[in-house]
Amino acid sequence: MEALKIIISGIIDGITGFLPVSSSGHLLMLRNVFGFGVGNSVFFDMFLKLATIAVIAFAFRKDIIRLVRLENGAYRKLALLILAATVSTGIVGVACRSFAAYAAGTVLFPGIFLVATGVMLFLTDGIKNGELKIGDVGFFEAFVVGAVQGLAALPGLSRCGMVITVCLLFGFNKKLTWRFAFLSAVPALIGSVVLDIVDLVRFGASDAENAGWYILAMVFAMVTGYIGLILLNRILRRGRFRILSIYCLALGGFMLASMIVM
């Protein structure tokens, strides 16, 4: 039964991690409302983050290679924008880390943050394609996007949903929004994995015997994550976020309502 929970959690995390509906919100709903989950495992979370990094690296491999090579002026500018976003992500993410750990043990905060995600998605529903390209974006915009990404450490806030929303509201064109939303996530995710490793070295992993199942769940998360990424690309192109907005509002409302029943 425990193995089945791990695999199902990996599948859910994969697809909801690449759709703007908050993977953390879904996993915490399963755990905190229904008692279905794998517990508060830093070890398992690390594998899920590695799955996300792998999907982004595969899907954006050409862009990543060009960024590493600093191929031209556009990619040099993009690299600097990502660096600016990473700095603010780190500052806000570290500041939120303790509260995020506390909030993850509740039903209240993930519910509130899911509702907030729904509201943000509603703001971008039907928004027209912006005009800003890489050369038009300043470091202020990148810093704000990074800060919003750092806030997504809070359970129930969708990282890609918040970043895409802010990029579109700033007037980024959809092509740049698509690339920046995920390329800027890689350094933040790597940093989060490093922090997880530090915690594991300091405190150990009480669930190390589940490593094999965690790796299998990671594989499922990569498959469903890639499917979610394809779906998100189509949604972004059409600019239709209303259904996902309603879904987040309903899910957040359900979690808040469950507190009354519980």
C-alpha atoms as a PDB file:
ATOM      1  CA  MET A   1       0.000   0.000   0.000  1.00  0.00           C
ATOM      2  CA  GLU A   2       2.832   2.381   0.851  1.00  0.00           C
ATOM      3  CA  ALA A   3       4.459   1.744  -2.538  1.00  0.00           C
ATOM      4  CA  LEU A   4       1.153   2.497  -4.299  1.00  0.00           C
ATOM      5  CA  LYS A   5       0.843   5.796  -2.413  1.00  0.00           C
ATOM      6  CA  ILE A   6       4.361   6.756  -3.450  1.00  0.00           C
ATOM      7  CA  ILE A   7       3.737   6.027  -7.138  1.00  0.00           C
ATOM      8  CA  ILE A   8       0.356   7.807  -7.200  1.00  0.00           C
ATOM      9  CA  SER A   9       1.925  10.809  -5.480  1.00  0.00           C
ATOM     10  CA  GLY A  10       4.652  10.871  -8.145  1.00  0.00           C
ATOM     11  CA  ILE A  11       2.098  10.774 -10.962  1.00  0.00           C
ATOM     12  CA  ILE A  12       0.032  13.576  -9.435  1.00  0.00           C
ATOM     13  CA  ASP A  13       3.088  15.706  -8.695  1.00  0.00           C
ATOM     14  CA  GLY A  14       4.317  15.326 -12.269  1.00  0.00           C
ATOM     15  CA  ILE A  15       1.232  16.570 -14.078  1.00  0.00           C
ATOM     16  CA  THR A  16       0.186  19.196 -11.520  1.00  0.00           C
ATOM     17  CA  GLY A  17       3.747  20.497 -11.298  1.00  0.00           C
ATOM     18  CA  PHE A  18       3.624  21.604 -14.935  1.00  0.00           C
ATOM     19  CA  LEU A  19       0.048  22.795 -14.932  1.00  0.00           C
ATOM     20  CA  PRO A  20      -0.607  25.998 -12.955  1.00  0.00           C
ATOM     21  CA  VAL A  21      -2.647  24.229 -10.266  1.00  0.00           C
ATOM     22  CA  SER A  22       0.017  23.647  -7.549  1.00  0.00           C
ATOM     23  CA  SER A  23       1.480  20.199  -7.096  1.00  0.00           C
ATOM     24  CA  SER A  24       2.145  20.902  -3.410  1.00  0.00           C
ATOM     25  CA  GLY A  25      -1.495  21.836  -2.898  1.00  0.00           C
ATOM     26  CA  HIS A  26      -2.660  18.539  -4.391  1.00  0.00           C
ATOM     27  CA  LEU A  27      -0.234  16.400  -2.406  1.00  0.00           C
ATOM     28  CA  LEU A  28      -1.070  18.188   0.831  1.00  0.00           C
ATOM     29  CA  MET A  29      -4.781  17.810   0.177  1.00  0.00           C
ATOM     30  CA  LEU A  30      -4.272  14.065  -0.179  1.00  0.00           C
ATOM     31  CA  ARG A  31      -2.173  13.928   2.970  1.00  0.00           C
ATOM     32  CA  ASN A  32      -3.846  16.433   5.286  1.00  0.00           C
ATOM     33  CA  VAL A  33      -7.498  16.002   4.261  1.00  0.00           C
ATOM     34  CA  PHE A  34      -7.731  12.348   3.215  1.00  0.00           C
ATOM     35  CA  GLY A  35      -4.765  10.919   5.090  1.00  0.00           C
ATOM     36  CA  PHE A  36      -3.420   9.557   1.800  1.00  0.00           C
ATOM     37  CA  GLY A  37       0.218  10.331   1.238  1.00  0.00           C
ATOM     38  CA  VAL A  38       3.790   9.454   2.003  1.00  0.00           C
ATOM     39  CA  GLY A  39       4.263  11.807   4.929  1.00  0.00           C
ATOM     40  CA  ASN A  40       6.571  14.773   5.240  1.00  0.00           C
ATOM     41  CA  SER A  41       9.578  13.340   3.429  1.00  0.00           C
ATOM     42  CA  VAL A  42      12.458  15.591   2.389  1.00  0.00           C
ATOM     43  CA  PHE A  43      13.982  12.564   0.668  1.00  0.00           C
ATOM     44  CA  PHE A  44      10.930  11.983  -1.528  1.00  0.00           C
ATOM     45  CA  ASP A  45      10.520  15.705  -2.262  1.00  0.00           C
ATOM     46  CA  MET A  46      14.107  15.769  -3.503  1.00  0.00           C
ATOM     47  CA  PHE A  47      13.379  13.037  -6.057  1.00  0.00           C
ATOM     48  CA  LEU A  48      10.285  14.891  -7.266  1.00  0.00           C
ATOM     49  CA  LYS A  49      12.334  18.078  -7.740  1.00  0.00           C
ATOM     50  CA  LEU A  50      14.922  16.092  -9.706  1.00  0.00           C
ATOM     51  CA  ALA A  51      12.094  14.839 -11.941  1.00  0.00           C
ATOM     52  CA  THR A  52      11.008  18.428 -12.603  1.00  0.00           C
ATOM     53  CA  ILE A  53      14.567  19.477 -13.440  1.00  0.00           C
ATOM     54  CA  ALA A  54      14.916  16.519 -15.823  1.00  0.00           C
ATOM     55  CA  VAL A  55      11.711  17.410 -17.702  1.00  0.00           C
ATOM     56  CA  ILE A  56      12.715  21.066 -18.091  1.00  0.00           C
ATOM     57  CA  ALA A  57      16.251  20.102 -19.156  1.00  0.00           C
ATOM     58  CA  PHE A  58      14.860  17.794 -21.849  1.00  0.00           C
ATOM     59  CA  ALA A  59      12.146  20.134 -23.114  1.00  0.00           C
ATOM     60  CA  PHE A  60      14.396  23.223 -23.193  1.00  0.00           C
ATOM     61  CA  ARG A  61      17.697  21.493 -23.975  1.00  0.00           C
ATOM     62  CA  LYS A  62      18.446  23.697 -27.001  1.00  0.00           C
ATOM     63  CA  ASP A  63      17.864  26.887 -25.049  1.00  0.00           C
ATOM     64  CA  ILE A  64      19.956  25.616 -22.137  1.00  0.00           C
ATOM     65  CA  ILE A  65      22.871  24.778 -24.438  1.00  0.00           C
ATOM     66  CA  ARG A  66      22.673  28.244 -25.994  1.00  0.00           C
ATOM     67  CA  LEU A  67      22.528  29.837 -22.559  1.00  0.00           C
ATOM     68  CA  VAL A  68      25.589  27.937 -21.394  1.00  0.00           C
ATOM     69  CA  ARG A  69      27.452  28.967 -24.533  1.00  0.00           C
ATOM     70  CA  LEU A  70      26.138  32.564 -24.296  1.00  0.00           C
ATOM     71  CA  GLU A  71      25.522  32.087 -27.978  1.00  0.00           C
ATOM     72  CA  ASN A  72      24.487  35.632 -28.884  1.00  0.00           C
ATOM     73  CA  GLY A  73      23.343  38.924 -27.414  1.00  0.00           C
ATOM     74  CA  ALA A  74      19.810  37.693 -26.791  1.00  0.00           C
ATOM     75  CA  TYR A  75      20.977  34.686 -24.797  1.00  0.00           C
ATOM     76  CA  ARG A  76      23.540  36.753 -22.893  1.00  0.00           C
ATOM     77  CA  LYS A  77      20.718  39.101 -21.877  1.00  0.00           C
ATOM     78  CA  LEU A  78      18.475  36.148 -21.000  1.00  0.00           C
ATOM     79  CA  ALA A  79      21.238  34.690 -18.816  1.00  0.00           C
ATOM     80  CA  LEU A  80      21.531  37.971 -16.903  1.00  0.00           C
ATOM     81  CA  LEU A  81      17.752  38.160 -16.460  1.00  0.00           C
ATOM     82  CA  ILE A  82      17.698  34.612 -15.112  1.00  0.00           C
ATOM     83  CA  LEU A  83      20.540  35.493 -12.742  1.00  0.00           C
ATOM     84  CA  ALA A  84      18.580  38.501 -11.441  1.00  0.00           C
ATOM     85  CA  ALA A  85      15.479  36.358 -10.998  1.00  0.00           C
ATOM     86  CA  THR A  86      17.506  33.678  -9.197  1.00  0.00           C
ATOM     87  CA  VAL A  87      18.842  36.190  -6.667  1.00  0.00           C
ATOM     88  CA  SER A  88      15.361  37.394  -5.703  1.00  0.00           C
ATOM     89  CA  THR A  89      14.002  33.836  -5.720  1.00  0.00           C
ATOM     90  CA  GLY A  90      16.700  32.808  -3.268  1.00  0.00           C
ATOM     91  CA  ILE A  91      16.088  35.760  -0.955  1.00  0.00           C
ATOM     92  CA  VAL A  92      12.307  35.315  -0.832  1.00  0.00           C
ATOM     93  CA  GLY A  93      12.437  31.519  -0.858  1.00  0.00           C
ATOM     94  CA  VAL A  94      14.804  31.320   2.116  1.00  0.00           C
ATOM     95  CA  ALA A  95      12.731  33.903   3.990  1.00  0.00           C
ATOM     96  CA  CYS A  96       9.575  31.848   3.412  1.00  0.00           C
ATOM     97  CA  ARG A  97      11.112  28.444   4.133  1.00  0.00           C
ATOM     98  CA  SER A  98      10.243  28.175   7.823  1.00  0.00           C
ATOM     99  CA  PHE A  99       6.672  29.382   7.339  1.00  0.00           C
ATOM    100  CA  ALA A 100       6.258  27.107   4.316  1.00  0.00           C
ATOM    101  CA  ALA A 101       7.236  24.099   6.447  1.00  0.00           C
ATOM    102  CA  TYR A 102       4.667  25.121   9.077  1.00  0.00           C
ATOM    103  CA  ALA A 103       1.949  25.821   6.481  1.00  0.00           C
ATOM    104  CA  ALA A 104       2.489  22.392   4.898  1.00  0.00           C
ATOM    105  CA  GLY A 105       1.218  20.791   8.101  1.00  0.00           C
ATOM    106  CA  THR A 106      -2.110  22.598   7.885  1.00  0.00           C
ATOM    107  CA  VAL A 107      -5.205  22.568   5.690  1.00  0.00           C
ATOM    108  CA  LEU A 108      -5.877  26.292   6.082  1.00  0.00           C
ATOM    109  CA  PHE A 109      -2.850  27.787   4.331  1.00  0.00           C
ATOM    110  CA  PRO A 110      -2.692  25.475   1.286  1.00  0.00           C
ATOM    111  CA  GLY A 111      -6.410  26.169   0.796  1.00  0.00           C
ATOM    112  CA  ILE A 112      -5.895  29.934   0.977  1.00  0.00           C
ATOM    113  CA  PHE A 113      -2.925  29.809  -1.388  1.00  0.00           C
ATOM    114  CA  LEU A 114      -4.820  27.639  -3.890  1.00  0.00           C
ATOM    115  CA  VAL A 115      -7.566  30.272  -3.936  1.00  0.00           C
ATOM    116  CA  ALA A 116      -4.881  32.926  -4.503  1.00  0.00           C
ATOM    117  CA  THR A 117      -3.522  30.892  -7.427  1.00  0.00           C
ATOM    118  CA  GLY A 118      -7.021  30.715  -8.890  1.00  0.00           C
ATOM    119  CA  VAL A 119      -7.410  34.484  -8.628  1.00  0.00           C
ATOM    120  CA  MET A 120      -4.057  35.081 -10.339  1.00  0.00           C
ATOM    121  CA  LEU A 121      -4.977  32.754 -13.195  1.00  0.00           C
ATOM    122  CA  PHE A 122      -8.305  34.517 -13.610  1.00  0.00           C
ATOM    123  CA  LEU A 123      -6.469  37.829 -14.084  1.00  0.00           C
ATOM    124  CA  THR A 124      -4.602  36.440 -17.109  1.00  0.00           C
ATOM    125  CA  ASP A 125      -7.516  34.647 -18.774  1.00  0.00           C
ATOM    126  CA  GLY A 126      -7.860  35.920 -22.328  1.00  0.00           C
ATOM    127  CA  ILE A 127      -4.945  38.355 -22.011  1.00  0.00           C
ATOM    128  CA  LYS A 128      -3.504  39.398 -25.369  1.00  0.00           C
ATOM    129  CA  ASN A 129       0.012  38.519 -26.441  1.00  0.00           C
ATOM    130  CA  GLY A 130       2.438  41.082 -25.045  1.00  0.00           C
ATOM    131  CA  GLU A 131       5.052  42.972 -27.016  1.00  0.00           C
ATOM    132  CA  LEU A 132       8.084  42.676 -24.744  1.00  0.00           C
ATOM    133  CA  LYS A 133      10.933  40.546 -26.062  1.00  0.00           C
ATOM    134  CA  ILE A 134      14.204  39.683 -24.342  1.00  0.00           C
ATOM    135  CA  GLY A 135      15.837  42.977 -25.305  1.00  0.00           C
ATOM    136  CA  ASP A 136      12.900  44.974 -23.918  1.00  0.00           C
ATOM    137  CA  VAL A 137      12.824  43.378 -20.460  1.00  0.00           C
ATOM    138  CA  GLY A 138      14.637  45.097 -17.619  1.00  0.00           C
ATOM    139  CA  PHE A 139      16.187  43.715 -14.467  1.00  0.00           C
ATOM    140  CA  PHE A 140      13.348  45.123 -12.357  1.00  0.00           C
ATOM    141  CA  GLU A 141      10.843  42.869 -14.113  1.00  0.00           C
ATOM    142  CA  ALA A 142      13.182  39.877 -13.776  1.00  0.00           C
ATOM    143  CA  PHE A 143      13.693  40.602 -10.075  1.00  0.00           C
ATOM    144  CA  VAL A 144       9.929  40.775  -9.464  1.00  0.00           C
ATOM    145  CA  VAL A 145       9.327  37.549 -11.382  1.00  0.00           C
ATOM    146  CA  GLY A 146      12.024  35.872  -9.297  1.00  0.00           C
ATOM    147  CA  ALA A 147      10.480  37.143  -6.066  1.00  0.00           C
ATOM    148  CA  VAL A 148       7.107  35.726  -7.090  1.00  0.00           C
ATOM    149  CA  GLN A 149       8.821  32.441  -7.861  1.00  0.00           C
ATOM    150  CA  GLY A 150      10.302  32.491  -4.360  1.00  0.00           C
ATOM    151  CA  LEU A 151       6.828  32.977  -2.883  1.00  0.00           C
ATOM    152  CA  ALA A 152       5.796  29.752  -4.601  1.00  0.00           C
ATOM    153  CA  ALA A 153       7.659  27.932  -1.844  1.00  0.00           C
ATOM    154  CA  LEU A 154       4.397  28.434   0.046  1.00  0.00           C
ATOM    155  CA  PRO A 155       2.231  25.306  -0.362  1.00  0.00           C
ATOM    156  CA  GLY A 156      -0.729  25.859  -2.668  1.00  0.00           C
ATOM    157  CA  LEU A 157       0.861  28.627  -4.713  1.00  0.00           C
ATOM    158  CA  SER A 158       1.632  27.354  -8.201  1.00  0.00           C
ATOM    159  CA  ARG A 159       5.152  28.317  -9.240  1.00  0.00           C
ATOM    160  CA  CYS A 160       4.557  28.220 -12.985  1.00  0.00           C
ATOM    161  CA  GLY A 161       1.085  29.756 -12.570  1.00  0.00           C
ATOM    162  CA  MET A 162       2.385  32.720 -10.576  1.00  0.00           C
ATOM    163  CA  VAL A 163       5.393  33.293 -12.844  1.00  0.00           C
ATOM    164  CA  ILE A 164       3.373  33.047 -16.056  1.00  0.00           C
ATOM    165  CA  THR A 165       0.757  35.413 -14.642  1.00  0.00           C
ATOM    166  CA  VAL A 166       3.318  38.063 -13.675  1.00  0.00           C
ATOM    167  CA  CYS A 167       5.172  37.748 -17.003  1.00  0.00           C
ATOM    168  CA  LEU A 168       1.952  38.227 -18.973  1.00  0.00           C
ATOM    169  CA  LEU A 169       0.858  41.163 -16.804  1.00  0.00           C
ATOM    170  CA  PHE A 170       4.254  42.790 -17.393  1.00  0.00           C
ATOM    171  CA  GLY A 171       3.616  42.460 -21.143  1.00  0.00           C
ATOM    172  CA  PHE A 172       6.082  39.681 -21.996  1.00  0.00           C
ATOM    173  CA  ASN A 173       5.214  38.011 -25.264  1.00  0.00           C
ATOM    174  CA  LYS A 174       4.076  34.425 -24.866  1.00  0.00           C
ATOM    175  CA  LYS A 175       7.212  32.918 -26.360  1.00  0.00           C
ATOM    176  CA  LEU A 176       9.420  34.719 -23.845  1.00  0.00           C
ATOM    177  CA  THR A 177       6.971  33.946 -21.028  1.00  0.00           C
ATOM    178  CA  TRP A 178       7.165  30.255 -21.879  1.00  0.00           C
ATOM    179  CA  ARG A 179      10.952  30.155 -21.907  1.00  0.00           C
ATOM    180  CA  PHE A 180      11.549  32.442 -18.937  1.00  0.00           C
ATOM    181  CA  ALA A 181       9.004  30.700 -16.700  1.00  0.00           C
ATOM    182  CA  PHE A 182      10.846  27.400 -16.902  1.00  0.00           C
ATOM    183  CA  LEU A 183      14.458  28.346 -17.574  1.00  0.00           C
ATOM    184  CA  SER A 184      14.438  30.609 -14.508  1.00  0.00           C
ATOM    185  CA  ALA A 185      13.096  27.685 -12.462  1.00  0.00           C
ATOM    186  CA  VAL A 186      16.160  25.494 -12.995  1.00  0.00           C
ATOM    187  CA  PRO A 187      18.628  27.388 -10.748  1.00  0.00           C
ATOM    188  CA  ALA A 188      15.940  27.705  -8.050  1.00  0.00           C
ATOM    189  CA  LEU A 189      15.168  23.997  -8.187  1.00  0.00           C
ATOM    190  CA  ILE A 190      18.846  23.065  -8.092  1.00  0.00           C
ATOM    191  CA  GLY A 191      19.297  25.318  -5.077  1.00  0.00           C
ATOM    192  CA  SER A 192      16.325  23.685  -3.365  1.00  0.00           C
ATOM    193  CA  VAL A 193      17.775  20.226  -4.032  1.00  0.00           C
ATOM    194  CA  VAL A 194      21.087  21.347  -2.513  1.00  0.00           C
ATOM    195  CA  LEU A 195      19.251  22.499   0.631  1.00  0.00           C
ATOM    196  CA  ASP A 196      17.446  19.135   0.769  1.00  0.00           C
ATOM    197  CA  ILE A 197      20.775  17.316   0.534  1.00  0.00           C
ATOM    198  CA  VAL A 198      22.176  19.455   3.362  1.00  0.00           C
ATOM    199  CA  ASP A 199      19.147  18.557   5.515  1.00  0.00           C
ATOM    200  CA  LEU A 200      19.552  14.873   4.693  1.00  0.00           C
ATOM    201  CA  VAL A 201      23.240  14.965   5.619  1.00  0.00           C
ATOM    202  CA  ARG A 202      22.487  16.750   8.890  1.00  0.00           C
ATOM    203  CA  PHE A 203      19.428  14.803   9.982  1.00  0.00           C
ATOM    204  CA  GLY A 204      19.480  11.646   7.844  1.00  0.00           C
ATOM    205  CA  ALA A 205      16.616  10.002   5.952  1.00  0.00           C
ATOM    206  CA  SER A 206      14.366   7.809   8.068  1.00  0.00           C
ATOM    207  CA  ASP A 207      12.696   6.516   4.895  1.00  0.00           C
ATOM    208  CA  ALA A 208      15.856   5.529   3.007  1.00  0.00           C
ATOM    209  CA  GLU A 209      14.450   2.017   2.522  1.00  0.00           C
ATOM    210  CA  ASN A 210      11.884   3.526   0.129  1.00  0.00           C
ATOM    211  CA  ALA A 211      14.556   4.889  -2.236  1.00  0.00           C
ATOM    212  CA  GLY A 212      13.724   2.335  -4.944  1.00  0.00           C
ATOM    213  CA  TRP A 213      10.044   3.296  -4.905  1.00  0.00           C
ATOM    214  CA  TYR A 214      10.962   6.979  -4.887  1.00  0.00           C
ATOM    215  CA  ILE A 215      13.047   6.502  -8.029  1.00  0.00           C
ATOM    216  CA  LEU A 216      10.140   4.704  -9.725  1.00  0.00           C
ATOM    217  CA  ALA A 217       7.799   7.517  -8.699  1.00  0.00           C
ATOM    218  CA  MET A 218      10.321   9.988 -10.125  1.00  0.00           C
ATOM    219  CA  VAL A 219      10.142   8.211 -13.491  1.00  0.00           C
ATOM    220  CA  PHE A 220       6.331   8.402 -13.464  1.00  0.00           C
ATOM    221  CA  ALA A 221       6.575  12.076 -12.481  1.00  0.00           C
ATOM    222  CA  MET A 222       8.826  12.760 -15.486  1.00  0.00           C
ATOM    223  CA  VAL A 223       6.367  11.105 -17.886  1.00  0.00           C
ATOM    224  CA  THR A 224       3.267  12.848 -16.527  1.00  0.00           C
ATOM    225  CA  GLY A 225       5.226  16.074 -16.116  1.00  0.00           C
ATOM    226  CA  TYR A 226       6.127  16.141 -19.793  1.00  0.00           C
ATOM    227  CA  ILE A 227       2.472  15.576 -20.675  1.00  0.00           C
ATOM    228  CA  GLY A 228       1.529  18.446 -18.372  1.00  0.00           C
ATOM    229  CA  LEU A 229       4.132  20.668 -20.044  1.00  0.00           C
ATOM    230  CA  ILE A 230       2.635  19.985 -23.481  1.00  0.00           C
ATOM    231  CA  LEU A 231      -0.854  20.788 -22.192  1.00  0.00           C
ATOM    232  CA  LEU A 232       0.356  24.021 -20.595  1.00  0.00           C
ATOM    233  CA  ASN A 233       1.979  25.136 -23.850  1.00  0.00           C
ATOM    234  CA  ARG A 234      -1.367  24.783 -25.636  1.00  0.00           C
ATOM    235  CA  ILE A 235      -3.212  26.606 -22.864  1.00  0.00           C
ATOM    236  CA  LEU A 236      -0.690  29.466 -22.905  1.00  0.00           C
ATOM    237  CA  ARG A 237      -0.937  29.852 -26.668  1.00  0.00           C
ATOM    238  CA  ARG A 238      -4.724  30.135 -26.453  1.00  0.00           C
ATOM    239  CA  GLY A 239      -4.563  32.291 -23.346  1.00  0.00           C
ATOM    240  CA  ARG A 240      -7.438  30.389 -21.752  1.00  0.00           C
ATOM    241  CA  PHE A 241      -6.821  29.950 -18.044  1.00  0.00           C
ATOM    242  CA  ARG A 242     -10.411  30.242 -16.828  1.00  0.00           C
ATOM    243  CA  ILE A 243     -11.040  26.522 -16.373  1.00  0.00           C
ATOM    244  CA  LEU A 244      -7.823  26.120 -14.400  1.00  0.00           C
ATOM    245  CA  SER A 245      -8.711  29.211 -12.377  1.00  0.00           C
ATOM    246  CA  ILE A 246     -12.099  27.772 -11.447  1.00  0.00           C
ATOM    247  CA  TYR A 247     -10.455  24.446 -10.636  1.00  0.00           C
ATOM    248  CA  CYS A 248      -7.984  26.073  -8.214  1.00  0.00           C
ATOM    249  CA  LEU A 249     -10.736  28.144  -6.595  1.00  0.00           C
ATOM    250  CA  ALA A 250     -12.893  25.043  -6.169  1.00  0.00           C
ATOM    251  CA  LEU A 251     -10.038  22.937  -4.802  1.00  0.00           C
ATOM    252  CA  GLY A 252      -8.968  25.657  -2.390  1.00  0.00           C
ATOM    253  CA  GLY A 253     -12.567  26.154  -1.315  1.00  0.00           C
ATOM    254  CA  PHE A 254     -12.927  22.421  -0.753  1.00  0.00           C
ATOM    255  CA  MET A 255      -9.846  22.342   1.469  1.00  0.00           C
ATOM    256  CA  LEU A 256     -11.124  25.290   3.508  1.00  0.00           C
ATOM    257  CA  ALA A 257     -14.581  23.738   3.791  1.00  0.00           C
ATOM    258  CA  SER A 258     -13.077  20.445   4.929  1.00  0.00           C
ATOM    259  CA  MET A 259     -11.833  22.212   8.048  1.00  0.00           C
ATOM    260  CA  ILE A 260     -15.433  22.680   9.149  1.00  0.00           C
ATOM    261  CA  VAL A 261     -16.270  19.024   8.564  1.00  0.00           C
ATOM    262  CA  MET A 262     -13.078  17.827  10.213  1.00  0.00           C
END
